[in-house]
């Protein structure tokens, strides 16, 4: 099916539709009723035949819009506002409160990148996506995405990618009928041009036939919230510590007394040129050093070992805890001394 400027269309994978404003190769740009210009591929659009299709409904006055009529009497009825019917006969609330919202980048082979939003959870979502470009917010797309569905947000050229500092999402979760509410999500994902343009970071996934670079927005949002709370708690602790130190003098314990080793996993301590590695490669190096050091500690019957991972975005800490749970289930671990490390270290009890 072909499209031209002025065609009225409906979205096949989203609610609503709009008017075609321009066609660029296989990408059709549609002006929605909310004023956003939305890019879409032709296969996801359905042409709607309406009178005066060349006239955009967004420029027509209310008096020009035909009013619905009662089929029996022929009398005009008040127009019905658009809404989403969420009523359901079931009284049982869906107890699945897991959230999994993903952002996917797919390279199209022409120095351009298609951006997709994946709703891989039981909630429907209402979303607003925008890019921060030249210190200005620029709308990408807004709409509703049902559970377990994917939508194409936009296509970004390689040259344009250089000027985009981040992608922002505002997401609201809901279900039909009775459900357990989920807090709205507001997250700004920083873009890394070198990471996004590196083909090594694109892999096969269950969501697309092509190789894709996947960001788990919901997990990134959770880690940023944890980091923010950690910083607030640490500030409060440091304030209380200053008050205590002013009145109490403690005799410091020597680390040799508790036979505890300390390992710094900051990437600057492990390689000479950190800038030469991608975030994925840095994490792989850090985790390799972590498991190698822990295995040596187990063989040498060390009692305790503290791994300093820092706070950062929380990825390294999360991966360390996941590895301990999966590969070393018999070892106990906990956050190291908050007084010495804040939230930036994990202590592993290797042996009693």
Protein backbone atom coordinates (compact mmCIF):
# COMPACT_ATOMS: atom_id res chain seq x y z
CA UNK A 1 0.00 0.00 0.00
CA UNK A 2 1.28 3.46 -0.87
CA UNK A 3 0.69 6.65 1.06
CA UNK A 4 0.83 10.33 0.16
CA UNK A 5 0.68 13.62 2.04
CA UNK A 6 -2.82 14.29 3.36
CA UNK A 7 -3.92 10.63 3.65
CA UNK A 8 -5.91 9.78 6.77
CA UNK A 9 -4.45 6.62 8.42
CA UNK A 10 -4.88 4.42 11.49
CA UNK A 11 -2.11 2.65 13.44
CA UNK A 12 -2.26 -1.15 13.41
CA UNK A 13 -0.15 -1.58 16.57
CA UNK A 14 -1.42 1.42 18.53
CA UNK A 15 -4.64 3.31 19.20
CA UNK A 16 -5.65 6.28 17.10
CA UNK A 17 -4.28 7.61 13.85
CA UNK A 18 -3.72 10.88 12.05
CA UNK A 19 -2.80 12.62 8.80
CA UNK A 20 0.26 11.83 6.66
CA UNK A 21 2.54 14.88 6.57
CA UNK A 22 5.39 13.42 4.51
CA UNK A 23 6.80 10.15 3.15
CA UNK A 24 10.53 9.41 3.25
CA UNK A 25 11.43 6.14 1.54
CA UNK A 26 9.54 3.48 3.56
CA UNK A 27 8.97 5.75 6.55
CA UNK A 28 5.64 7.55 6.79
CA UNK A 29 5.34 10.56 9.11
CA UNK A 30 1.90 10.94 10.69
CA UNK A 31 0.59 14.01 12.52
CA UNK A 32 -1.48 12.80 15.48
CA UNK A 33 -4.33 14.70 17.13
CA UNK A 34 -2.06 15.58 20.06
CA UNK A 35 0.25 17.52 17.70
CA UNK A 36 3.11 14.97 17.64
CA UNK A 37 4.57 13.93 14.31
CA UNK A 38 5.07 10.17 14.53
CA UNK A 39 7.26 8.13 12.15
CA UNK A 40 5.93 4.70 11.21
CA UNK A 41 6.70 1.97 8.70
CA UNK A 42 4.13 1.43 5.94
CA UNK A 43 3.19 -2.09 7.04
CA UNK A 44 1.95 -0.72 10.40
CA UNK A 45 -0.53 1.74 8.83
CA UNK A 46 -4.04 1.38 7.40
CA UNK A 47 -5.44 4.03 5.06
CA UNK A 48 -8.85 5.36 6.08
CA UNK A 49 -11.11 6.60 3.30
CA UNK A 50 -12.95 9.73 4.49
CA UNK A 51 -14.55 12.69 2.65
CA UNK A 52 -12.27 15.65 2.10
CA UNK A 53 -9.22 13.58 2.98
CA UNK A 54 -6.95 16.42 1.93
CA UNK A 55 -8.25 18.51 4.84
CA UNK A 56 -6.57 17.77 8.17
CA UNK A 57 -9.06 17.29 11.06
CA UNK A 58 -6.58 19.16 13.26
CA UNK A 59 -7.28 22.39 11.38
CA UNK A 60 -11.07 22.07 11.16
CA UNK A 61 -13.28 24.06 13.52
CA UNK A 62 -15.77 22.35 15.83
CA UNK A 63 -18.66 23.58 13.68
CA UNK A 64 -17.20 21.73 10.68
CA UNK A 65 -17.16 18.37 12.45
CA UNK A 66 -20.36 16.39 11.73
CA UNK A 67 -22.31 15.53 14.88
CA UNK A 68 -23.41 11.92 15.44
CA UNK A 69 -27.15 11.27 15.07
CA UNK A 70 -29.65 8.92 16.68
CA UNK A 71 -30.38 6.21 14.12
CA UNK A 72 -34.07 6.03 15.11
CA UNK A 73 -35.00 9.72 15.47
CA UNK A 74 -32.34 11.42 13.38
CA UNK A 75 -31.66 13.89 16.21
CA UNK A 76 -28.13 15.12 16.79
CA UNK A 77 -26.29 13.63 19.77
CA UNK A 78 -23.54 15.15 21.87
CA UNK A 79 -20.13 13.93 20.67
CA UNK A 80 -18.63 11.14 22.80
CA UNK A 81 -15.10 11.89 24.09
CA UNK A 82 -12.29 9.44 23.39
CA UNK A 83 -11.52 7.16 26.32
CA UNK A 84 -10.23 3.70 27.19
CA UNK A 85 -12.75 1.33 28.75
CA UNK A 86 -11.02 -0.41 31.66
CA UNK A 87 -14.07 -2.07 33.20
CA UNK A 88 -14.01 -5.82 33.77
CA UNK A 89 -16.43 -8.28 35.36
CA UNK A 90 -13.62 -10.03 37.23
CA UNK A 91 -13.06 -9.05 40.88
CA UNK A 92 -9.73 -10.86 41.18
CA UNK A 93 -6.75 -8.52 41.10
CA UNK A 94 -3.86 -9.59 38.93
CA UNK A 95 -1.06 -10.15 41.44
CA UNK A 96 1.70 -10.05 38.82
CA UNK A 97 3.33 -6.68 39.54
CA UNK A 98 6.55 -7.30 37.63
CA UNK A 99 7.57 -4.54 35.22
CA UNK A 100 9.82 -5.00 32.21
CA UNK A 101 10.05 -2.04 29.83
CA UNK A 102 12.82 -2.13 27.22
CA UNK A 103 14.31 0.29 24.71
CA UNK A 104 15.77 -1.31 21.59
CA UNK A 105 18.15 0.15 18.99
CA UNK A 106 18.38 -1.56 15.59
CA UNK A 107 20.87 -0.43 12.94
CA UNK A 108 19.31 -0.36 9.47
CA UNK A 109 22.59 -0.59 7.53
CA UNK A 110 22.33 2.98 6.16
CA UNK A 111 23.98 4.84 9.04
CA UNK A 112 20.60 5.18 10.74
CA UNK A 113 19.11 3.64 13.88
CA UNK A 114 15.50 2.57 14.49
CA UNK A 115 14.28 3.06 18.05
CA UNK A 116 11.65 0.71 19.52
CA UNK A 117 9.77 0.60 22.83
CA UNK A 118 9.03 -2.92 24.14
CA UNK A 119 6.36 -3.55 26.77
CA UNK A 120 7.31 -7.01 28.04
CA UNK A 121 5.02 -7.17 31.09
CA UNK A 122 1.40 -7.66 32.12
CA UNK A 123 0.64 -3.95 32.42
CA UNK A 124 -0.59 -1.68 29.63
CA UNK A 125 1.32 1.59 29.54
CA UNK A 126 0.76 5.17 28.48
CA UNK A 127 4.05 6.74 27.46
CA UNK A 128 5.66 9.98 26.35
CA UNK A 129 9.07 9.75 24.69
CA UNK A 130 11.32 12.74 24.04
CA UNK A 131 14.95 13.37 23.12
CA UNK A 132 17.20 15.97 24.70
CA UNK A 133 18.96 17.65 21.80
CA UNK A 134 21.01 20.84 22.09
CA UNK A 135 19.75 21.25 25.68
CA UNK A 136 16.15 21.25 24.41
CA UNK A 137 13.42 18.64 24.87
CA UNK A 138 12.02 17.48 21.54
CA UNK A 139 8.97 15.20 21.48
CA UNK A 140 9.34 11.83 19.74
CA UNK A 141 6.04 10.05 20.32
CA UNK A 142 3.23 9.63 22.84
CA UNK A 143 0.55 6.99 23.08
CA UNK A 144 -0.62 3.73 24.63
CA UNK A 145 1.15 0.39 24.34
CA UNK A 146 -0.62 -2.80 25.35
CA UNK A 147 1.13 -5.54 27.32
CA UNK A 148 3.54 -7.82 25.44
CA UNK A 149 3.72 -5.54 22.40
CA UNK A 150 6.36 -3.43 20.64
CA UNK A 151 6.15 -0.08 18.87
CA UNK A 152 8.52 1.81 16.56
CA UNK A 153 9.28 5.22 18.06
CA UNK A 154 11.50 6.93 15.51
CA UNK A 155 14.54 6.63 13.26
CA UNK A 156 17.68 8.58 14.10
CA UNK A 157 20.50 9.19 11.63
CA UNK A 158 24.11 8.67 12.63
CA UNK A 159 24.79 12.40 12.26
CA UNK A 160 21.77 13.31 14.40
CA UNK A 161 22.86 10.84 17.08
CA UNK A 162 25.92 12.98 17.79
CA UNK A 163 23.75 15.86 19.04
CA UNK A 164 21.39 13.78 21.23
CA UNK A 165 22.48 13.67 24.85
CA UNK A 166 19.68 11.45 26.22
CA UNK A 167 16.24 9.92 25.68
CA UNK A 168 13.53 10.65 28.26
CA UNK A 169 10.50 8.51 29.09
CA UNK A 170 7.41 9.20 31.21
CA UNK A 171 5.43 5.99 31.69
CA UNK A 172 2.12 5.26 33.44
CA UNK A 173 1.05 1.66 34.18
CA UNK A 174 -2.50 0.27 34.25
CA UNK A 175 -4.54 -2.89 33.67
CA UNK A 176 -8.12 -3.68 32.82
CA UNK A 177 -10.38 -4.40 35.78
CA UNK A 178 -8.93 -5.04 39.24
CA UNK A 179 -5.14 -4.77 39.54
CA UNK A 180 -2.35 -3.75 41.90
CA UNK A 181 -1.07 -0.25 41.03
CA UNK A 182 2.47 0.47 39.90
CA UNK A 183 4.27 3.77 40.54
CA UNK A 184 4.71 5.94 37.41
CA UNK A 185 8.19 5.87 35.90
CA UNK A 186 10.19 8.90 34.81
CA UNK A 187 13.65 8.12 33.48
CA UNK A 188 16.25 9.82 31.32
CA UNK A 189 18.60 7.40 29.53
CA UNK A 190 21.91 8.96 28.52
CA UNK A 191 23.10 8.08 25.03
CA UNK A 192 26.67 6.99 24.35
CA UNK A 193 27.47 7.48 20.66
CA UNK A 194 30.51 5.19 20.69
CA UNK A 195 28.63 2.42 22.49
CA UNK A 196 25.58 2.71 20.21
CA UNK A 197 27.60 2.66 16.99
CA UNK A 198 29.76 -0.34 17.96
CA UNK A 199 28.39 -3.45 16.11
CA UNK A 200 29.76 -5.71 18.87
CA UNK A 201 27.03 -4.49 21.22
CA UNK A 202 24.21 -5.64 18.92
CA UNK A 203 23.08 -9.22 19.55
CA UNK A 204 20.22 -11.57 18.69
CA UNK A 205 17.24 -11.26 21.04
CA UNK A 206 13.83 -12.86 21.47
CA UNK A 207 12.12 -9.61 20.48
CA UNK A 208 13.45 -8.98 16.96
CA UNK A 209 14.67 -10.90 13.93
CA UNK A 210 17.53 -8.40 13.55
CA UNK A 211 20.37 -7.92 16.01
CA UNK A 212 19.49 -5.27 18.58
CA UNK A 213 21.00 -3.27 21.41
CA UNK A 214 18.63 -3.58 24.38
CA UNK A 215 18.36 -1.26 27.39
CA UNK A 216 16.16 -2.41 30.27
CA UNK A 217 14.58 0.94 31.17
CA UNK A 218 12.70 -0.44 34.19
CA UNK A 219 15.90 -1.95 35.65
CA UNK A 220 17.91 1.19 34.92
CA UNK A 221 15.19 3.27 36.61
CA UNK A 222 15.18 1.00 39.68
CA UNK A 223 18.96 1.20 40.02
CA UNK A 224 18.89 5.00 39.71
CA UNK A 225 16.24 5.18 42.44
CA UNK A 226 18.33 2.93 44.70
CA UNK A 227 21.37 5.11 44.02
CA UNK A 228 19.45 8.28 44.88
CA UNK A 229 18.19 6.78 48.14
CA UNK A 230 21.71 5.54 48.96
CA UNK A 231 23.14 9.01 48.48
CA UNK A 232 20.50 10.54 50.75
CA UNK A 233 21.11 7.92 53.44
CA UNK A 234 24.86 8.37 53.18
CA UNK A 235 24.54 12.16 53.59
CA UNK A 236 22.40 11.67 56.70
CA UNK A 237 24.88 9.14 58.07
CA UNK A 238 27.87 11.43 57.48
CA UNK A 239 26.03 14.24 59.28
CA UNK A 240 25.32 12.00 62.28
CA UNK A 241 28.88 10.65 62.22
CA UNK A 242 30.33 14.15 62.53
CA UNK A 243 28.16 14.76 65.58
CA UNK A 244 29.28 11.47 67.17
CA UNK A 245 32.97 11.99 66.34
CA UNK A 246 32.85 15.32 68.11
CA UNK A 247 32.12 13.58 71.45
CA UNK A 248 33.43 10.00 71.10
CA UNK A 249 36.97 8.92 70.33
CA UNK A 250 37.23 5.34 69.09
CA UNK A 251 40.34 3.16 68.91
CA UNK A 252 40.51 1.95 65.32
CA UNK A 253 40.72 -1.80 64.72
CA UNK A 254 43.50 -3.10 62.56
CA UNK A 255 42.38 -5.01 59.52
CA UNK A 256 44.92 -7.72 60.36
CA UNK A 257 43.00 -8.46 63.56
CA UNK A 258 39.98 -9.67 61.60
CA UNK A 259 42.04 -11.20 58.75
CA UNK A 260 40.25 -9.31 56.02
CA UNK A 261 41.56 -8.63 52.52
CA UNK A 262 40.48 -5.68 50.41
CA UNK A 263 40.15 -5.69 46.61
CA UNK A 264 39.46 -2.55 44.57
CA UNK A 265 37.38 -3.33 41.45
CA UNK A 266 37.36 0.19 40.01
CA UNK A 267 38.31 -0.16 36.35
CA UNK A 268 41.11 2.42 36.74
CA UNK A 269 42.83 -0.03 39.10
CA UNK A 270 42.61 -2.93 36.65
CA UNK A 271 43.59 -1.51 33.23
CA UNK A 272 45.93 1.22 32.04
CA UNK A 273 43.54 2.87 29.54
CA UNK A 274 39.88 2.56 30.63
CA UNK A 275 38.69 4.83 27.80
CA UNK A 276 39.66 2.16 25.28
CA UNK A 277 36.95 -0.23 26.53
CA UNK A 278 33.17 -0.23 26.11
CA UNK A 279 30.93 -0.40 29.22
CA UNK A 280 30.25 -4.07 28.50
CA UNK A 281 33.97 -4.85 28.21
CA UNK A 282 34.72 -2.96 31.44
CA UNK A 283 32.08 -4.96 33.31
CA UNK A 284 33.47 -8.23 31.90
CA UNK A 285 37.00 -7.31 33.08
CA UNK A 286 35.76 -6.36 36.55
CA UNK A 287 33.71 -9.55 36.94
CA UNK A 288 36.61 -11.68 35.72
CA UNK A 289 38.89 -10.13 38.33
CA UNK A 290 36.17 -10.57 40.98
CA UNK A 291 35.66 -14.32 40.37
CA UNK A 292 39.40 -14.97 39.99
CA UNK A 293 40.22 -13.22 43.27
CA UNK A 294 37.36 -14.95 45.10
CA UNK A 295 38.43 -18.39 43.81
CA UNK A 296 41.99 -17.72 45.07
CA UNK A 297 40.61 -16.66 48.46
CA UNK A 298 38.62 -19.90 48.71
CA UNK A 299 41.68 -22.03 47.83
CA UNK A 300 43.85 -20.15 50.35
CA UNK A 301 41.16 -20.39 53.07
CA UNK A 302 40.85 -16.64 53.54
CA UNK A 303 38.26 -15.63 56.11
CA UNK A 304 36.84 -12.43 54.70
CA UNK A 305 37.37 -10.33 51.60
CA UNK A 306 35.94 -6.90 50.80
CA UNK A 307 35.30 -6.03 47.15
CA UNK A 308 35.17 -2.26 46.54
CA UNK A 309 32.84 -1.65 43.60
CA UNK A 310 31.75 1.94 44.27
CA UNK A 311 28.21 3.27 43.93
CA UNK A 312 28.10 4.47 40.32
CA UNK A 313 24.95 3.28 38.52
CA UNK A 314 24.81 0.08 40.60
CA UNK A 315 25.45 -2.34 37.70
CA UNK A 316 28.68 -3.82 39.08
CA UNK A 317 27.21 -4.30 42.57
CA UNK A 318 24.12 -5.97 41.10
CA UNK A 319 26.22 -8.32 38.93
CA UNK A 320 28.45 -9.25 41.89
CA UNK A 321 25.44 -10.16 44.05
CA UNK A 322 23.87 -12.15 41.18
CA UNK A 323 27.10 -14.10 40.66
CA UNK A 324 27.42 -14.84 44.38
CA UNK A 325 23.84 -16.14 44.50
CA UNK A 326 24.24 -18.29 41.40
CA UNK A 327 27.88 -19.50 41.43
CA UNK A 328 28.72 -19.35 45.16
CA UNK A 329 25.41 -20.16 46.93
CA UNK A 330 27.18 -21.46 50.07
CA UNK A 331 29.05 -18.20 50.73
CA UNK A 332 27.51 -15.52 52.90
CA UNK A 333 27.89 -11.86 51.92
CA UNK A 334 26.70 -8.44 53.05
CA UNK A 335 27.33 -4.75 52.53
CA UNK A 336 30.74 -3.88 53.96
CA UNK A 337 31.19 -1.35 56.77
CA UNK A 338 29.04 1.65 55.93
CA UNK A 339 31.35 3.79 58.03
CA UNK A 340 34.35 2.96 55.83
CA UNK A 341 32.80 2.36 52.40
CA UNK A 342 29.27 3.77 52.39
CA UNK A 343 27.29 1.69 49.87
CA UNK A 344 30.36 1.13 47.73
CA UNK A 345 31.62 -2.28 48.89
CA UNK A 346 30.49 -5.87 49.51
CA UNK A 347 32.06 -8.17 52.12
CA UNK A 348 32.17 -11.92 51.42
CA UNK A 349 32.63 -14.42 54.27
CA UNK A 350 34.83 -17.04 52.61
CA UNK A 351 35.30 -19.30 55.65
CA UNK A 352 34.47 -19.32 59.35
